[in-house]
């Protein structure tokens, strides 16, 4: 039975993974799923209380490390401490990211906000990939993944600075796949639609504002989010959850995705490939 369970469920047996932004939301869901499938996991985040509590809850094969991905020294320490503790690094999931709250015109864009978004979302991703590759290249294997966004496939559903940072991630993914493929390392990104998470709403629509902290636990606001996303989403009867994005990461990180590299895996229920206007007009 144990062997059968391993064959059926442990798709990451023997692997070591880092999940940045792993204390909540998509990251925390991924940590849980990777652990269930046999991986040893390092949670990297700046939310120390959440990250440490999650690590304590999950046991000895999970640990927490404070890491601001825009700080290269902290990224170096993250990677080196992971290898020191677990002996290897097989999967790097660069999931940490921030959003801004203003959908305002380009005429009112603030330079400081733009720089902050790019520093965490894009430069942070670059640094995480750089130092993951540093330890993966000598071993001629590994998997690097990023969380991008459905805004990379369709315009008008995200702020300028956020969209620019995520488009940059897609470009980074493709270029890294080209270079690191020569060393047997796969590089992909995942682009989710609007996701209601444990810490905030990674919103991808102009109709939904970002909710943070205790606001997310307000059942009325959660119901509002679900209603709006149900209306604007293309795939009816289904709402995207953090767990759905984690499952995409599991596929890309496992041997099932062993020949998949350079992909932007869009998890949006078909939203970005469908313009329903004509169909709605005909049916009315």
Protein backbone atom coordinates (compact mmCIF):
# COMPACT_ATOMS: atom_id res chain seq x y z
CA UNK A 1 0.00 0.00 0.00
CA UNK A 2 2.83 2.41 0.82
CA UNK A 3 4.46 1.71 -2.55
CA UNK A 4 1.11 2.17 -4.32
CA UNK A 5 0.55 5.46 -2.50
CA UNK A 6 4.01 6.66 -3.53
CA UNK A 7 3.41 5.73 -7.16
CA UNK A 8 0.02 7.40 -7.21
CA UNK A 9 0.55 10.48 -5.11
CA UNK A 10 4.22 11.34 -4.51
CA UNK A 11 5.07 13.13 -7.73
CA UNK A 12 7.89 15.13 -6.12
CA UNK A 13 9.45 12.40 -4.00
CA UNK A 14 13.08 13.18 -3.23
CA UNK A 15 12.92 16.74 -4.52
CA UNK A 16 13.70 19.98 -2.67
CA UNK A 17 11.71 23.12 -3.50
CA UNK A 18 11.76 26.79 -2.57
CA UNK A 19 8.50 28.73 -2.79
CA UNK A 20 8.87 32.50 -2.51
CA UNK A 21 5.79 34.29 -1.27
CA UNK A 22 5.05 30.95 0.36
CA UNK A 23 3.45 32.14 3.59
CA UNK A 24 -0.01 32.78 2.14
CA UNK A 25 -2.21 32.56 -0.91
CA UNK A 26 -0.94 30.75 -3.99
CA UNK A 27 2.41 30.19 -2.31
CA UNK A 28 0.97 28.54 0.80
CA UNK A 29 -1.29 26.31 -1.31
CA UNK A 30 1.75 25.27 -3.32
CA UNK A 31 3.74 24.52 -0.17
CA UNK A 32 0.97 22.21 1.06
CA UNK A 33 0.65 20.44 -2.29
CA UNK A 34 4.39 20.01 -2.81
CA UNK A 35 4.69 18.56 0.68
CA UNK A 36 1.82 16.14 0.04
CA UNK A 37 3.68 14.92 -3.02
CA UNK A 38 6.88 14.13 -1.17
CA UNK A 39 8.98 17.28 -1.55
CA UNK A 40 10.98 19.03 1.14
CA UNK A 41 9.97 22.69 1.01
CA UNK A 42 11.48 26.00 2.06
CA UNK A 43 8.96 28.80 2.56
CA UNK A 44 10.43 32.19 1.71
CA UNK A 45 8.51 35.35 2.56
CA UNK A 46 8.57 38.64 4.45
CA UNK A 47 5.47 37.69 6.45
CA UNK A 48 7.45 36.16 9.30
CA UNK A 49 4.59 35.23 11.64
CA UNK A 50 2.55 33.56 8.90
CA UNK A 51 5.55 31.82 7.39
CA UNK A 52 6.90 30.47 10.67
CA UNK A 53 3.44 29.34 11.80
CA UNK A 54 2.95 27.45 8.54
CA UNK A 55 6.37 25.85 8.84
CA UNK A 56 5.75 24.81 12.45
CA UNK A 57 2.42 23.29 11.47
CA UNK A 58 3.81 21.23 8.59
CA UNK A 59 6.76 19.54 10.29
CA UNK A 60 10.44 18.79 9.82
CA UNK A 61 10.46 18.62 6.03
CA UNK A 62 9.37 22.27 5.79
CA UNK A 63 11.22 25.33 7.04
CA UNK A 64 10.76 29.09 6.86
CA UNK A 65 13.32 31.69 5.78
CA UNK A 66 12.78 35.44 5.78
CA UNK A 67 13.53 36.75 2.30
CA UNK A 68 12.79 40.01 0.52
CA UNK A 69 13.32 38.94 -3.08
CA UNK A 70 14.35 42.45 -4.11
CA UNK A 71 17.37 42.13 -1.79
CA UNK A 72 20.06 40.06 -3.49
CA UNK A 73 21.93 39.23 -0.30
CA UNK A 74 18.76 37.75 1.19
CA UNK A 75 18.17 35.72 -1.98
CA UNK A 76 21.74 34.40 -1.82
CA UNK A 77 21.23 33.41 1.81
CA UNK A 78 17.92 31.72 0.94
CA UNK A 79 19.45 29.51 -1.74
CA UNK A 80 22.64 28.72 0.19
CA UNK A 81 20.78 27.86 3.41
CA UNK A 82 18.42 25.58 1.48
CA UNK A 83 21.30 23.63 -0.02
CA UNK A 84 23.05 23.51 3.36
CA UNK A 85 19.93 22.13 5.08
CA UNK A 86 18.57 19.74 2.45
CA UNK A 87 21.63 19.08 0.28
CA UNK A 88 20.14 20.17 -3.05
CA UNK A 89 17.68 22.43 -4.88
CA UNK A 90 15.44 20.93 -7.54
CA UNK A 91 12.54 23.39 -7.85
CA UNK A 92 12.51 27.15 -7.48
CA UNK A 93 9.03 28.68 -7.60
CA UNK A 94 9.36 32.46 -7.78
CA UNK A 95 5.86 33.38 -6.65
CA UNK A 96 6.44 36.47 -4.47
CA UNK A 97 4.81 39.59 -5.83
CA UNK A 98 2.93 42.75 -4.95
CA UNK A 99 0.11 44.73 -6.52
CA UNK A 100 -0.78 48.41 -6.40
CA UNK A 101 -4.25 49.73 -5.64
CA UNK A 102 -4.71 52.40 -8.30
CA UNK A 103 -6.14 51.80 -11.76
CA UNK A 104 -5.52 55.45 -12.62
CA UNK A 105 -4.42 56.96 -15.90
CA UNK A 106 -0.82 56.83 -17.08
CA UNK A 107 -0.95 60.61 -16.64
CA UNK A 108 -1.08 60.15 -12.87
CA UNK A 109 1.38 57.26 -12.51
CA UNK A 110 3.82 57.65 -9.61
CA UNK A 111 7.48 56.86 -10.28
CA UNK A 112 7.98 55.47 -6.77
CA UNK A 113 5.09 53.01 -7.17
CA UNK A 114 6.37 51.85 -10.54
CA UNK A 115 9.86 51.27 -9.18
CA UNK A 116 8.55 49.34 -6.17
CA UNK A 117 6.40 47.01 -8.30
CA UNK A 118 9.23 46.33 -10.73
CA UNK A 119 11.73 45.84 -7.90
CA UNK A 120 9.74 43.03 -6.30
CA UNK A 121 7.91 41.43 -9.21
CA UNK A 122 10.51 41.59 -11.96
CA UNK A 123 13.94 42.26 -10.44
CA UNK A 124 13.04 39.93 -7.56
CA UNK A 125 12.18 37.20 -10.03
CA UNK A 126 15.42 37.81 -11.90
CA UNK A 127 17.48 37.51 -8.71
CA UNK A 128 15.68 34.38 -7.57
CA UNK A 129 16.27 32.74 -10.96
CA UNK A 130 19.92 33.85 -11.03
CA UNK A 131 20.79 32.22 -7.74
CA UNK A 132 18.68 29.12 -8.35
CA UNK A 133 20.56 28.66 -11.63
CA UNK A 134 23.85 29.15 -9.78
CA UNK A 135 23.32 25.87 -7.91
CA UNK A 136 21.35 24.03 -10.60
CA UNK A 137 23.74 24.50 -13.53
CA UNK A 138 26.54 22.35 -12.03
CA UNK A 139 24.01 19.53 -11.49
CA UNK A 140 22.66 19.81 -15.05
CA UNK A 141 19.06 19.66 -13.89
CA UNK A 142 16.35 21.66 -12.15
CA UNK A 143 13.08 23.51 -12.61
CA UNK A 144 12.47 27.26 -12.25
CA UNK A 145 8.93 28.64 -12.28
CA UNK A 146 7.38 32.09 -11.93
CA UNK A 147 3.91 33.42 -11.20
CA UNK A 148 3.05 35.82 -14.00
CA UNK A 149 -0.53 36.94 -14.74
CA UNK A 150 -3.37 36.58 -17.22
CA UNK A 151 -2.77 40.25 -18.00
CA UNK A 152 0.13 39.05 -20.16
CA UNK A 153 -2.42 37.55 -22.57
CA UNK A 154 -5.08 40.26 -22.72
CA UNK A 155 -4.96 44.02 -22.24
CA UNK A 156 -6.90 46.21 -19.85
CA UNK A 157 -7.24 43.94 -16.82
CA UNK A 158 -4.31 45.19 -14.71
CA UNK A 159 -2.47 48.36 -13.78
CA UNK A 160 0.34 49.63 -15.97
CA UNK A 161 3.20 48.91 -13.58
CA UNK A 162 1.85 45.49 -12.61
CA UNK A 163 1.28 44.53 -16.25
CA UNK A 164 4.77 45.69 -17.19
CA UNK A 165 6.32 43.62 -14.40
CA UNK A 166 4.45 40.48 -15.44
CA UNK A 167 5.19 40.91 -19.15
CA UNK A 168 8.81 41.14 -18.07
CA UNK A 169 8.46 37.82 -16.26
CA UNK A 170 7.20 36.16 -19.45
CA UNK A 171 10.19 37.53 -21.37
CA UNK A 172 12.53 36.40 -18.61
CA UNK A 173 10.99 32.93 -18.70
CA UNK A 174 11.54 32.50 -22.42
CA UNK A 175 15.10 33.80 -22.39
CA UNK A 176 16.04 31.65 -19.39
CA UNK A 177 14.49 28.60 -21.02
CA UNK A 178 16.80 29.19 -23.98
CA UNK A 179 19.98 29.59 -21.94
CA UNK A 180 19.34 27.16 -19.10
CA UNK A 181 17.95 24.46 -21.37
CA UNK A 182 21.56 23.91 -22.42
CA UNK A 183 22.14 22.76 -18.83
CA UNK A 184 19.04 20.55 -18.57
CA UNK A 185 17.07 23.13 -16.58
CA UNK A 186 13.43 23.82 -17.40
CA UNK A 187 11.91 27.31 -16.98
CA UNK A 188 8.18 28.11 -17.13
CA UNK A 189 5.66 30.58 -15.76
CA UNK A 190 2.03 30.37 -14.68
CA UNK A 191 -0.43 33.15 -15.49
CA UNK A 192 -3.56 33.01 -13.30
CA UNK A 193 -6.77 34.99 -13.57
CA UNK A 194 -8.21 36.71 -10.49
CA UNK A 195 -7.55 34.64 -7.35
CA UNK A 196 -9.02 35.09 -3.87
CA UNK A 197 -6.22 34.15 -1.49
CA UNK A 198 -5.60 34.03 2.24
CA UNK A 199 -3.91 37.43 2.37
CA UNK A 200 -5.31 39.43 -0.50
CA UNK A 201 -7.07 39.40 -3.83
CA UNK A 202 -4.70 39.29 -6.80
CA UNK A 203 -7.28 41.08 -8.87
CA UNK A 204 -7.21 41.08 -12.65
CA UNK A 205 -10.38 43.09 -13.32
CA UNK A 206 -11.21 46.75 -13.09
CA UNK A 207 -14.31 45.89 -11.09
CA UNK A 208 -12.48 44.31 -8.15
CA UNK A 209 -10.39 46.25 -5.65
CA UNK A 210 -7.56 44.67 -3.73
CA UNK A 211 -8.50 43.48 -0.25
CA UNK A 212 -5.75 42.97 2.28
CA UNK A 213 -5.36 41.84 5.88
CA UNK A 214 -8.52 41.18 7.85
CA UNK A 215 -10.73 42.43 5.01
CA UNK A 216 -10.35 39.12 3.22
CA UNK A 217 -12.08 37.34 6.09
CA UNK A 218 -15.21 39.45 5.58
CA UNK A 219 -17.71 36.97 4.16
CA UNK A 220 -19.66 39.75 2.44
CA UNK A 221 -16.60 40.90 0.52
CA UNK A 222 -15.64 37.34 -0.33
CA UNK A 223 -19.14 36.77 -1.66
CA UNK A 224 -18.87 40.00 -3.70
CA UNK A 225 -15.58 38.84 -5.19
CA UNK A 226 -17.00 35.43 -6.08
CA UNK A 227 -20.07 37.02 -7.67
CA UNK A 228 -18.05 39.45 -9.80
CA UNK A 229 -15.53 36.86 -10.91
CA UNK A 230 -18.37 34.48 -11.74
CA UNK A 231 -19.91 37.16 -13.95
CA UNK A 232 -16.76 38.24 -15.78
CA UNK A 233 -15.11 34.83 -16.05
CA UNK A 234 -15.54 32.76 -19.19
CA UNK A 235 -15.74 29.32 -17.56
CA UNK A 236 -19.08 29.34 -15.79
CA UNK A 237 -19.77 27.30 -12.70
CA UNK A 238 -16.12 27.45 -11.61
CA UNK A 239 -14.11 30.03 -9.65
CA UNK A 240 -10.33 30.01 -9.73
CA UNK A 241 -8.78 29.10 -6.39
CA UNK A 242 -5.21 29.29 -5.16
CA UNK A 243 -5.20 25.49 -5.12
CA UNK A 244 -5.80 25.45 -8.89
CA UNK A 245 -2.66 27.49 -9.48
CA UNK A 246 -0.73 25.22 -7.12
CA UNK A 247 -1.81 22.22 -9.21
CA UNK A 248 -0.37 23.89 -12.30
CA UNK A 249 2.90 24.39 -10.40
CA UNK A 250 2.86 20.73 -9.37
CA UNK A 251 2.54 19.63 -12.98
CA UNK A 252 5.36 21.88 -14.16
CA UNK A 253 7.60 20.91 -11.25
CA UNK A 254 7.04 17.17 -11.58
CA UNK A 255 8.38 14.63 -14.03
CA UNK A 256 5.05 14.82 -15.84
CA UNK A 257 6.23 18.16 -17.20
CA UNK A 258 9.74 16.90 -17.90
CA UNK A 259 9.80 18.16 -21.52
CA UNK A 260 7.89 21.39 -20.93
CA UNK A 261 10.02 24.53 -20.96
CA UNK A 262 9.55 28.14 -22.07
CA UNK A 263 5.79 27.93 -21.47
CA UNK A 264 3.46 30.60 -20.14
CA UNK A 265 0.75 28.35 -18.71
CA UNK A 266 -2.39 30.49 -18.59
CA UNK A 267 -4.89 29.44 -15.91
CA UNK A 268 -7.85 31.67 -16.70
CA UNK A 269 -10.68 29.41 -17.82
CA UNK A 270 -10.32 30.64 -21.40
CA UNK A 271 -10.91 34.31 -20.52
CA UNK A 272 -8.01 35.62 -22.58
CA UNK A 273 -8.90 33.76 -25.77
CA UNK A 274 -12.60 34.58 -25.93
CA UNK A 275 -14.42 37.76 -26.83
CA UNK A 276 -18.05 36.95 -25.95
CA UNK A 277 -19.55 40.22 -27.27
CA UNK A 278 -20.83 38.93 -30.60
CA UNK A 279 -22.14 35.69 -29.11
CA UNK A 280 -24.02 37.61 -26.41
CA UNK A 281 -25.49 39.98 -28.97
CA UNK A 282 -26.76 37.07 -31.10
CA UNK A 283 -28.26 35.30 -28.11
CA UNK A 284 -30.05 38.37 -26.73
